[in-house]
Amino acid sequence: MLGTILIIILILAVLGALPTWGHSRSWGYAPTGGLGLVLVIVIILVLLGRI
């Protein structure tokens, strides 16, 4: 249950950090890449049963 909530929150954060939105246009792709990496790690941990 906790893993599913974490994945949903991280997906929403990645979508919010995309540089296509007005508030994040000047940020570039760095926040999206970092959040994407965290998302991949959480997905792997959920699949391995650690979360």
N, C-alpha and C. Protein backbone atom coordinates (compact mmCIF):
# COMPACT_ATOMS: atom_id res chain seq x y z
N MET A 1 0.82 -1.19 0.00
CA MET A 1 0.00 0.00 0.00
C MET A 1 0.87 1.26 0.00
N LEU A 2 1.90 1.27 0.84
CA LEU A 2 2.79 2.42 0.91
C LEU A 2 3.55 2.61 -0.40
N GLY A 3 3.94 1.51 -1.02
CA GLY A 3 4.65 1.59 -2.29
C GLY A 3 3.80 2.20 -3.39
N THR A 4 2.53 1.84 -3.43
CA THR A 4 1.63 2.40 -4.44
C THR A 4 1.45 3.90 -4.25
N ILE A 5 1.32 4.32 -3.02
CA ILE A 5 1.17 5.75 -2.73
C ILE A 5 2.44 6.51 -3.12
N LEU A 6 3.60 5.94 -2.82
CA LEU A 6 4.87 6.57 -3.19
C LEU A 6 5.01 6.70 -4.70
N ILE A 7 4.63 5.67 -5.42
CA ILE A 7 4.73 5.71 -6.88
C ILE A 7 3.81 6.77 -7.46
N ILE A 8 2.60 6.87 -6.96
CA ILE A 8 1.66 7.87 -7.47
C ILE A 8 2.17 9.29 -7.18
N ILE A 9 2.67 9.51 -5.98
CA ILE A 9 3.20 10.84 -5.64
C ILE A 9 4.40 11.19 -6.50
N LEU A 10 5.29 10.24 -6.74
CA LEU A 10 6.47 10.51 -7.56
C LEU A 10 6.11 10.75 -9.02
N ILE A 11 5.11 10.04 -9.54
CA ILE A 11 4.68 10.27 -10.93
C ILE A 11 4.11 11.68 -11.06
N LEU A 12 3.31 12.10 -10.10
CA LEU A 12 2.78 13.46 -10.13
C LEU A 12 3.88 14.50 -10.01
N ALA A 13 4.90 14.23 -9.20
CA ALA A 13 6.02 15.16 -9.07
C ALA A 13 6.82 15.26 -10.36
N VAL A 14 7.02 14.13 -11.04
CA VAL A 14 7.74 14.15 -12.32
C VAL A 14 6.95 14.94 -13.35
N LEU A 15 5.64 14.75 -13.40
CA LEU A 15 4.82 15.51 -14.35
C LEU A 15 4.83 17.00 -14.03
N GLY A 16 4.85 17.35 -12.76
CA GLY A 16 4.88 18.75 -12.37
C GLY A 16 6.21 19.42 -12.65
N ALA A 17 7.29 18.64 -12.73
CA ALA A 17 8.63 19.20 -12.95
C ALA A 17 9.02 19.25 -14.42
N LEU A 18 8.18 18.74 -15.30
CA LEU A 18 8.50 18.81 -16.73
C LEU A 18 8.63 20.26 -17.17
N PRO A 19 9.62 20.57 -18.01
CA PRO A 19 9.84 21.97 -18.40
C PRO A 19 8.81 22.52 -19.37
N THR A 20 7.75 21.79 -19.66
CA THR A 20 6.72 22.31 -20.56
C THR A 20 5.74 23.21 -19.82
N TRP A 21 5.69 23.12 -18.50
CA TRP A 21 4.80 23.95 -17.70
C TRP A 21 5.43 25.32 -17.50
N GLY A 22 4.62 26.34 -17.32
CA GLY A 22 5.09 27.71 -17.18
C GLY A 22 5.97 27.94 -15.96
N HIS A 23 5.63 27.30 -14.83
CA HIS A 23 6.37 27.54 -13.60
C HIS A 23 7.74 26.87 -13.61
N SER A 24 7.95 25.87 -14.45
CA SER A 24 9.21 25.12 -14.42
C SER A 24 9.99 25.23 -15.72
N ARG A 25 9.65 26.14 -16.57
CA ARG A 25 10.31 26.24 -17.87
C ARG A 25 11.80 26.58 -17.73
N SER A 26 12.17 27.39 -16.77
CA SER A 26 13.57 27.79 -16.61
C SER A 26 14.41 26.76 -15.86
N TRP A 27 13.80 25.73 -15.32
CA TRP A 27 14.54 24.73 -14.55
C TRP A 27 15.34 23.77 -15.44
N GLY A 28 14.88 23.55 -16.66
CA GLY A 28 15.52 22.55 -17.52
C GLY A 28 15.05 21.15 -17.16
N TYR A 29 15.83 20.16 -17.53
CA TYR A 29 15.43 18.76 -17.31
C TYR A 29 16.02 18.16 -16.04
N ALA A 30 16.81 18.89 -15.28
CA ALA A 30 17.46 18.33 -14.09
C ALA A 30 16.47 17.82 -13.04
N PRO A 31 15.46 18.58 -12.65
CA PRO A 31 14.53 18.04 -11.64
C PRO A 31 13.78 16.80 -12.13
N THR A 32 13.42 16.80 -13.39
CA THR A 32 12.70 15.64 -13.93
C THR A 32 13.57 14.40 -13.92
N GLY A 33 14.84 14.57 -14.26
CA GLY A 33 15.76 13.43 -14.25
C GLY A 33 15.98 12.88 -12.86
N GLY A 34 16.13 13.77 -11.89
CA GLY A 34 16.31 13.33 -10.51
C GLY A 34 15.09 12.63 -9.95
N LEU A 35 13.92 13.20 -10.22
CA LEU A 35 12.68 12.57 -9.75
C LEU A 35 12.43 11.25 -10.48
N GLY A 36 12.79 11.19 -11.75
CA GLY A 36 12.64 9.95 -12.50
C GLY A 36 13.51 8.85 -11.94
N LEU A 37 14.73 9.21 -11.53
CA LEU A 37 15.64 8.23 -10.93
C LEU A 37 15.07 7.71 -9.61
N VAL A 38 14.54 8.60 -8.79
CA VAL A 38 13.92 8.18 -7.53
C VAL A 38 12.71 7.29 -7.81
N LEU A 39 11.93 7.62 -8.84
CA LEU A 39 10.78 6.81 -9.21
C LEU A 39 11.20 5.40 -9.61
N VAL A 40 12.24 5.28 -10.40
CA VAL A 40 12.73 3.97 -10.82
C VAL A 40 13.20 3.16 -9.61
N ILE A 41 13.91 3.79 -8.69
CA ILE A 41 14.39 3.09 -7.50
C ILE A 41 13.22 2.60 -6.65
N VAL A 42 12.19 3.44 -6.47
CA VAL A 42 11.03 3.03 -5.68
C VAL A 42 10.29 1.88 -6.36
N ILE A 43 10.15 1.93 -7.68
CA ILE A 43 9.49 0.84 -8.40
C ILE A 43 10.26 -0.47 -8.23
N ILE A 44 11.57 -0.41 -8.32
CA ILE A 44 12.39 -1.62 -8.13
C ILE A 44 12.22 -2.16 -6.71
N LEU A 45 12.23 -1.27 -5.71
CA LEU A 45 12.05 -1.72 -4.33
C LEU A 45 10.68 -2.34 -4.11
N VAL A 46 9.65 -1.78 -4.73
CA VAL A 46 8.30 -2.35 -4.61
C VAL A 46 8.25 -3.73 -5.26
N LEU A 47 8.86 -3.87 -6.43
CA LEU A 47 8.84 -5.17 -7.11
C LEU A 47 9.64 -6.22 -6.33
N LEU A 48 10.69 -5.80 -5.63
CA LEU A 48 11.47 -6.74 -4.83
C LEU A 48 10.83 -7.03 -3.48
N GLY A 49 9.79 -6.28 -3.13
CA GLY A 49 9.09 -6.52 -1.87
C GLY A 49 9.74 -5.85 -0.68
N ARG A 50 10.59 -4.88 -0.89
CA ARG A 50 11.26 -4.19 0.22
C ARG A 50 10.41 -3.08 0.82
N ILE A 51 9.43 -2.59 0.06
CA ILE A 51 8.55 -1.52 0.57
C ILE A 51 7.15 -2.10 0.66
